[in-house]
Amino acid sequence: MSISKLSKVNIYFHNDNKEELIQAIQELSCVHVLDFKETAIAKDYEALIVEDSGADIELEKRLRGLDFAIRCLSPFEKRTGIANMIAGKRIFVSKDEYDEIVNDFDDTSVVQTI
């Protein structure tokens, strides 16, 4: 049996891509994957390690739903010329009106309707 030369490879990626990346690497059958938190240098970079909280997971779920709604509805958007885009109608609202809209908007019902 011959001995192969080993190379150390560091791959940093966003957690959203974790499953696809690990699956692709495992299919190559040539890489051993470690969680960064389990490595010897993790203690030197503790500020980079963030645990998922329930609020983060809920926010990600809501953002995925809104992204889905935008992609579904964008083909129905009325397209206008560039002049209308530049000088188009704008709605001005006060800070209080903005805060009220943001706080009262029920994005989950909009996504479920779509």
N, C-alpha and C. Protein backbone atom coordinates (compact mmCIF):
# COMPACT_ATOMS: atom_id res chain seq x y z
N MET A 1 0.85 -1.17 0.00
CA MET A 1 0.00 0.00 0.00
C MET A 1 0.89 1.24 0.00
N SER A 2 0.62 2.16 -0.91
CA SER A 2 1.44 3.37 -0.98
C SER A 2 0.87 4.44 -0.05
N ILE A 3 1.73 5.36 0.32
CA ILE A 3 1.32 6.46 1.19
C ILE A 3 1.17 7.71 0.32
N SER A 4 0.01 8.32 0.41
CA SER A 4 -0.26 9.53 -0.37
C SER A 4 0.13 10.76 0.41
N LYS A 5 0.56 11.76 -0.31
CA LYS A 5 0.88 13.04 0.32
C LYS A 5 -0.43 13.71 0.72
N LEU A 6 -0.47 14.27 1.92
CA LEU A 6 -1.67 14.93 2.42
C LEU A 6 -1.51 16.44 2.33
N SER A 7 -2.60 17.09 2.10
CA SER A 7 -2.64 18.55 2.10
C SER A 7 -3.75 18.99 3.03
N LYS A 8 -3.48 20.05 3.79
CA LYS A 8 -4.49 20.60 4.66
C LYS A 8 -5.24 21.69 3.89
N VAL A 9 -6.54 21.62 3.94
CA VAL A 9 -7.38 22.57 3.23
C VAL A 9 -8.36 23.18 4.22
N ASN A 10 -8.44 24.49 4.22
CA ASN A 10 -9.43 25.19 5.04
C ASN A 10 -10.48 25.76 4.11
N ILE A 11 -11.74 25.43 4.37
CA ILE A 11 -12.84 25.95 3.57
C ILE A 11 -13.78 26.66 4.53
N TYR A 12 -13.99 27.94 4.30
CA TYR A 12 -14.89 28.74 5.12
C TYR A 12 -16.12 29.05 4.28
N PHE A 13 -17.28 28.86 4.85
CA PHE A 13 -18.51 29.05 4.09
C PHE A 13 -19.63 29.46 5.03
N HIS A 14 -20.67 30.02 4.44
CA HIS A 14 -21.84 30.40 5.22
C HIS A 14 -22.62 29.14 5.57
N ASN A 15 -23.19 29.12 6.73
CA ASN A 15 -23.90 27.95 7.22
C ASN A 15 -25.07 27.54 6.31
N ASP A 16 -25.63 28.48 5.55
CA ASP A 16 -26.72 28.15 4.63
C ASP A 16 -26.29 27.14 3.57
N ASN A 17 -24.99 27.12 3.23
CA ASN A 17 -24.48 26.24 2.18
C ASN A 17 -23.87 24.96 2.73
N LYS A 18 -23.98 24.74 4.01
CA LYS A 18 -23.28 23.64 4.68
C LYS A 18 -23.63 22.28 4.10
N GLU A 19 -24.89 21.96 4.00
CA GLU A 19 -25.30 20.61 3.58
C GLU A 19 -24.84 20.31 2.16
N GLU A 20 -25.04 21.24 1.23
CA GLU A 20 -24.63 21.00 -0.16
C GLU A 20 -23.12 20.84 -0.27
N LEU A 21 -22.39 21.68 0.47
CA LEU A 21 -20.93 21.62 0.41
C LEU A 21 -20.41 20.30 0.98
N ILE A 22 -20.92 19.91 2.14
CA ILE A 22 -20.46 18.66 2.74
C ILE A 22 -20.80 17.47 1.86
N GLN A 23 -21.99 17.46 1.27
CA GLN A 23 -22.37 16.37 0.38
C GLN A 23 -21.43 16.29 -0.82
N ALA A 24 -21.12 17.43 -1.42
CA ALA A 24 -20.22 17.43 -2.58
C ALA A 24 -18.82 16.94 -2.19
N ILE A 25 -18.33 17.36 -1.04
CA ILE A 25 -17.00 16.93 -0.59
C ILE A 25 -16.99 15.43 -0.28
N GLN A 26 -18.05 14.94 0.37
CA GLN A 26 -18.11 13.53 0.70
C GLN A 26 -18.17 12.66 -0.56
N GLU A 27 -18.81 13.16 -1.61
CA GLU A 27 -18.87 12.41 -2.86
C GLU A 27 -17.48 12.25 -3.48
N LEU A 28 -16.57 13.17 -3.19
CA LEU A 28 -15.20 13.06 -3.68
C LEU A 28 -14.42 11.97 -2.95
N SER A 29 -14.86 11.63 -1.75
CA SER A 29 -14.22 10.59 -0.92
C SER A 29 -12.73 10.83 -0.70
N CYS A 30 -12.35 12.08 -0.56
CA CYS A 30 -10.92 12.35 -0.37
C CYS A 30 -10.66 13.41 0.69
N VAL A 31 -11.70 13.82 1.42
CA VAL A 31 -11.53 14.88 2.40
C VAL A 31 -12.20 14.47 3.70
N HIS A 32 -11.51 14.75 4.81
CA HIS A 32 -12.09 14.55 6.14
C HIS A 32 -12.60 15.89 6.61
N VAL A 33 -13.87 15.98 7.00
CA VAL A 33 -14.49 17.24 7.35
C VAL A 33 -14.59 17.37 8.87
N LEU A 34 -14.12 18.51 9.39
CA LEU A 34 -14.22 18.82 10.81
C LEU A 34 -15.06 20.07 10.99
N ASP A 35 -15.84 20.10 12.04
CA ASP A 35 -16.54 21.31 12.42
C ASP A 35 -15.51 22.25 13.02
N PHE A 36 -15.55 23.52 12.63
CA PHE A 36 -14.56 24.49 13.11
C PHE A 36 -14.51 24.53 14.63
N LYS A 37 -15.67 24.39 15.28
CA LYS A 37 -15.71 24.44 16.74
C LYS A 37 -14.90 23.32 17.38
N GLU A 38 -14.64 22.25 16.63
CA GLU A 38 -13.90 21.11 17.15
C GLU A 38 -12.40 21.19 16.85
N THR A 39 -11.95 22.23 16.19
CA THR A 39 -10.54 22.34 15.81
C THR A 39 -9.72 22.97 16.93
N ALA A 40 -8.42 22.78 16.84
CA ALA A 40 -7.51 23.31 17.86
C ALA A 40 -7.46 24.83 17.87
N ILE A 41 -7.69 25.47 16.73
CA ILE A 41 -7.59 26.93 16.67
C ILE A 41 -8.90 27.63 17.01
N ALA A 42 -9.97 26.90 17.24
CA ALA A 42 -11.27 27.51 17.50
C ALA A 42 -11.23 28.44 18.71
N LYS A 43 -10.45 28.07 19.72
CA LYS A 43 -10.40 28.92 20.92
C LYS A 43 -9.79 30.29 20.63
N ASP A 44 -8.98 30.39 19.59
CA ASP A 44 -8.38 31.66 19.20
C ASP A 44 -9.35 32.56 18.45
N TYR A 45 -10.44 31.99 17.96
CA TYR A 45 -11.40 32.73 17.15
C TYR A 45 -12.82 32.57 17.69
N GLU A 46 -12.97 32.59 19.00
CA GLU A 46 -14.28 32.39 19.61
C GLU A 46 -15.31 33.42 19.15
N ALA A 47 -14.86 34.61 18.82
CA ALA A 47 -15.79 35.66 18.37
C ALA A 47 -16.46 35.29 17.05
N LEU A 48 -15.87 34.40 16.26
CA LEU A 48 -16.44 33.99 14.98
C LEU A 48 -17.50 32.91 15.13
N ILE A 49 -17.53 32.26 16.27
CA ILE A 49 -18.45 31.15 16.47
C ILE A 49 -19.76 31.70 17.04
N VAL A 50 -20.82 31.50 16.29
CA VAL A 50 -22.13 31.99 16.69
C VAL A 50 -23.08 30.81 16.71
N GLU A 51 -23.74 30.62 17.83
CA GLU A 51 -24.74 29.57 17.93
C GLU A 51 -26.06 30.10 17.39
N ASP A 52 -26.80 29.24 16.69
CA ASP A 52 -28.11 29.62 16.19
C ASP A 52 -29.07 29.75 17.36
N SER A 53 -29.78 30.85 17.40
CA SER A 53 -30.81 31.02 18.42
C SER A 53 -32.16 30.79 17.76
N GLY A 54 -33.16 30.60 18.56
CA GLY A 54 -34.51 30.42 18.03
C GLY A 54 -34.95 31.62 17.22
N ALA A 55 -34.56 32.81 17.66
CA ALA A 55 -34.94 34.03 16.94
C ALA A 55 -34.28 34.07 15.56
N ASP A 56 -33.02 33.63 15.47
CA ASP A 56 -32.33 33.60 14.18
C ASP A 56 -33.02 32.64 13.22
N ILE A 57 -33.39 31.50 13.72
CA ILE A 57 -34.03 30.48 12.88
C ILE A 57 -35.39 30.99 12.39
N GLU A 58 -36.15 31.63 13.28
CA GLU A 58 -37.45 32.18 12.90
C GLU A 58 -37.29 33.29 11.87
N LEU A 59 -36.29 34.15 12.05
CA LEU A 59 -36.03 35.22 11.08
C LEU A 59 -35.67 34.64 9.72
N GLU A 60 -34.81 33.63 9.69
CA GLU A 60 -34.42 33.01 8.43
C GLU A 60 -35.64 32.41 7.73
N LYS A 61 -36.53 31.79 8.50
CA LYS A 61 -37.75 31.20 7.93
C LYS A 61 -38.63 32.29 7.31
N ARG A 62 -38.78 33.41 8.02
CA ARG A 62 -39.59 34.50 7.49
C ARG A 62 -38.96 35.11 6.25
N LEU A 63 -37.64 35.28 6.24
CA LEU A 63 -36.96 35.84 5.07
C LEU A 63 -37.08 34.92 3.86
N ARG A 64 -36.97 33.61 4.07
CA ARG A 64 -37.16 32.66 2.95
C ARG A 64 -38.57 32.77 2.39
N GLY A 65 -39.56 32.92 3.27
CA GLY A 65 -40.94 33.07 2.82
C GLY A 65 -41.13 34.34 2.01
N LEU A 66 -40.57 35.45 2.48
CA LEU A 66 -40.68 36.71 1.74
C LEU A 66 -39.95 36.64 0.41
N ASP A 67 -38.80 36.00 0.39
CA ASP A 67 -38.07 35.84 -0.87
C ASP A 67 -38.90 35.03 -1.86
N PHE A 68 -39.54 33.98 -1.38
CA PHE A 68 -40.42 33.16 -2.22
C PHE A 68 -41.55 34.02 -2.79
N ALA A 69 -42.20 34.83 -1.93
CA ALA A 69 -43.30 35.67 -2.38
C ALA A 69 -42.85 36.66 -3.44
N ILE A 70 -41.69 37.27 -3.24
CA ILE A 70 -41.17 38.24 -4.21
C ILE A 70 -40.91 37.56 -5.54
N ARG A 71 -40.31 36.37 -5.51
CA ARG A 71 -40.03 35.67 -6.77
C ARG A 71 -41.31 35.26 -7.48
N CYS A 72 -42.33 34.89 -6.72
CA CYS A 72 -43.61 34.49 -7.33
C CYS A 72 -44.34 35.68 -7.95
N LEU A 73 -44.25 36.82 -7.29
CA LEU A 73 -45.00 37.99 -7.75
C LEU A 73 -44.27 38.85 -8.76
N SER A 74 -42.95 38.76 -8.83
CA SER A 74 -42.19 39.65 -9.71
C SER A 74 -42.57 39.55 -11.19
N PRO A 75 -43.00 38.39 -11.71
CA PRO A 75 -43.41 38.39 -13.12
C PRO A 75 -44.63 39.27 -13.40
N PHE A 76 -45.40 39.60 -12.37
CA PHE A 76 -46.61 40.40 -12.54
C PHE A 76 -46.37 41.89 -12.31
N GLU A 77 -45.13 42.26 -12.01
CA GLU A 77 -44.80 43.65 -11.77
C GLU A 77 -44.97 44.45 -13.05
N LYS A 78 -45.61 45.61 -12.93
CA LYS A 78 -45.80 46.48 -14.09
C LYS A 78 -44.48 47.15 -14.40
N ARG A 79 -43.96 46.91 -15.57
CA ARG A 79 -42.68 47.49 -15.99
C ARG A 79 -42.94 48.80 -16.72
N THR A 80 -42.15 49.78 -16.41
CA THR A 80 -42.27 51.07 -17.08
C THR A 80 -40.90 51.48 -17.60
N GLY A 81 -40.86 52.54 -18.35
CA GLY A 81 -39.61 53.02 -18.91
C GLY A 81 -38.69 53.61 -17.85
N ILE A 82 -37.48 53.88 -18.26
CA ILE A 82 -36.48 54.38 -17.32
C ILE A 82 -36.83 55.77 -16.79
N ALA A 83 -37.49 56.57 -17.60
CA ALA A 83 -37.88 57.91 -17.15
C ALA A 83 -38.86 57.82 -15.99
N ASN A 84 -39.80 56.89 -16.07
CA ASN A 84 -40.75 56.70 -14.98
C ASN A 84 -40.08 56.14 -13.74
N MET A 85 -39.06 55.32 -13.93
CA MET A 85 -38.34 54.78 -12.78
C MET A 85 -37.60 55.89 -12.03
N ILE A 86 -37.03 56.83 -12.80
CA ILE A 86 -36.26 57.92 -12.18
C ILE A 86 -37.19 58.93 -11.52
N ALA A 87 -38.24 59.34 -12.26
CA ALA A 87 -39.13 60.38 -11.75
C ALA A 87 -40.46 59.80 -11.29
N GLY A 88 -40.49 58.54 -11.00
CA GLY A 88 -41.74 57.86 -10.64
C GLY A 88 -42.37 58.39 -9.37
N LYS A 89 -43.58 57.93 -9.13
CA LYS A 89 -44.31 58.36 -7.95
C LYS A 89 -43.64 57.80 -6.71
N ARG A 90 -43.50 58.65 -5.73
CA ARG A 90 -42.94 58.23 -4.44
C ARG A 90 -43.95 58.56 -3.36
N ILE A 91 -44.00 57.70 -2.40
CA ILE A 91 -44.89 57.93 -1.27
C ILE A 91 -44.02 58.29 -0.08
N PHE A 92 -44.27 59.45 0.49
CA PHE A 92 -43.50 59.88 1.65
C PHE A 92 -44.33 59.62 2.90
N VAL A 93 -43.69 59.03 3.89
CA VAL A 93 -44.36 58.75 5.16
C VAL A 93 -43.48 59.27 6.29
N SER A 94 -44.13 59.59 7.37
CA SER A 94 -43.39 60.06 8.54
C SER A 94 -42.75 58.85 9.24
N LYS A 95 -41.86 59.12 10.16
CA LYS A 95 -41.23 58.04 10.91
C LYS A 95 -42.27 57.24 11.69
N ASP A 96 -43.26 57.93 12.27
CA ASP A 96 -44.31 57.23 13.02
C ASP A 96 -45.13 56.33 12.11
N GLU A 97 -45.48 56.84 10.91
CA GLU A 97 -46.23 56.02 9.95
C GLU A 97 -45.41 54.81 9.52
N TYR A 98 -44.13 55.04 9.27
CA TYR A 98 -43.24 53.94 8.88
C TYR A 98 -43.18 52.88 9.98
N ASP A 99 -42.97 53.32 11.22
CA ASP A 99 -42.90 52.38 12.34
C ASP A 99 -44.20 51.59 12.48
N GLU A 100 -45.33 52.24 12.29
CA GLU A 100 -46.62 51.57 12.40
C GLU A 100 -46.77 50.51 11.30
N ILE A 101 -46.40 50.86 10.08
CA ILE A 101 -46.48 49.90 8.96
C ILE A 101 -45.59 48.70 9.22
N VAL A 102 -44.36 48.96 9.63
CA VAL A 102 -43.41 47.88 9.87
C VAL A 102 -43.88 46.97 11.00
N ASN A 103 -44.37 47.55 12.07
CA ASN A 103 -44.78 46.76 13.23
C ASN A 103 -46.08 46.00 13.01
N ASP A 104 -46.99 46.54 12.18
CA ASP A 104 -48.29 45.91 11.98
C ASP A 104 -48.35 44.99 10.77
N PHE A 105 -47.34 44.99 9.93
CA PHE A 105 -47.35 44.18 8.72
C PHE A 105 -47.25 42.70 9.07
N ASP A 106 -48.18 41.90 8.58
CA ASP A 106 -48.19 40.46 8.86
C ASP A 106 -47.67 39.73 7.62
N ASP A 107 -46.36 39.55 7.57
CA ASP A 107 -45.75 38.92 6.40
C ASP A 107 -46.14 37.45 6.27
N THR A 108 -46.37 36.76 7.36
CA THR A 108 -46.69 35.32 7.27
C THR A 108 -48.04 35.11 6.56
N SER A 109 -49.02 35.97 6.79
CA SER A 109 -50.30 35.79 6.10
C SER A 109 -50.15 36.08 4.61
N VAL A 110 -49.30 37.04 4.25
CA VAL A 110 -49.07 37.35 2.84
C VAL A 110 -48.43 36.14 2.15
N VAL A 111 -47.41 35.58 2.78
CA VAL A 111 -46.71 34.43 2.19
C VAL A 111 -47.65 33.24 2.08
N GLN A 112 -48.48 32.99 3.09
CA GLN A 112 -49.41 31.87 3.05
C GLN A 112 -50.46 32.05 1.96
N THR A 113 -50.88 33.29 1.70
CA THR A 113 -51.86 33.57 0.67
C THR A 113 -51.30 33.24 -0.72
N ILE A 114 -50.03 33.52 -0.91
CA ILE A 114 -49.39 33.28 -2.19
C ILE A 114 -49.18 31.80 -2.35
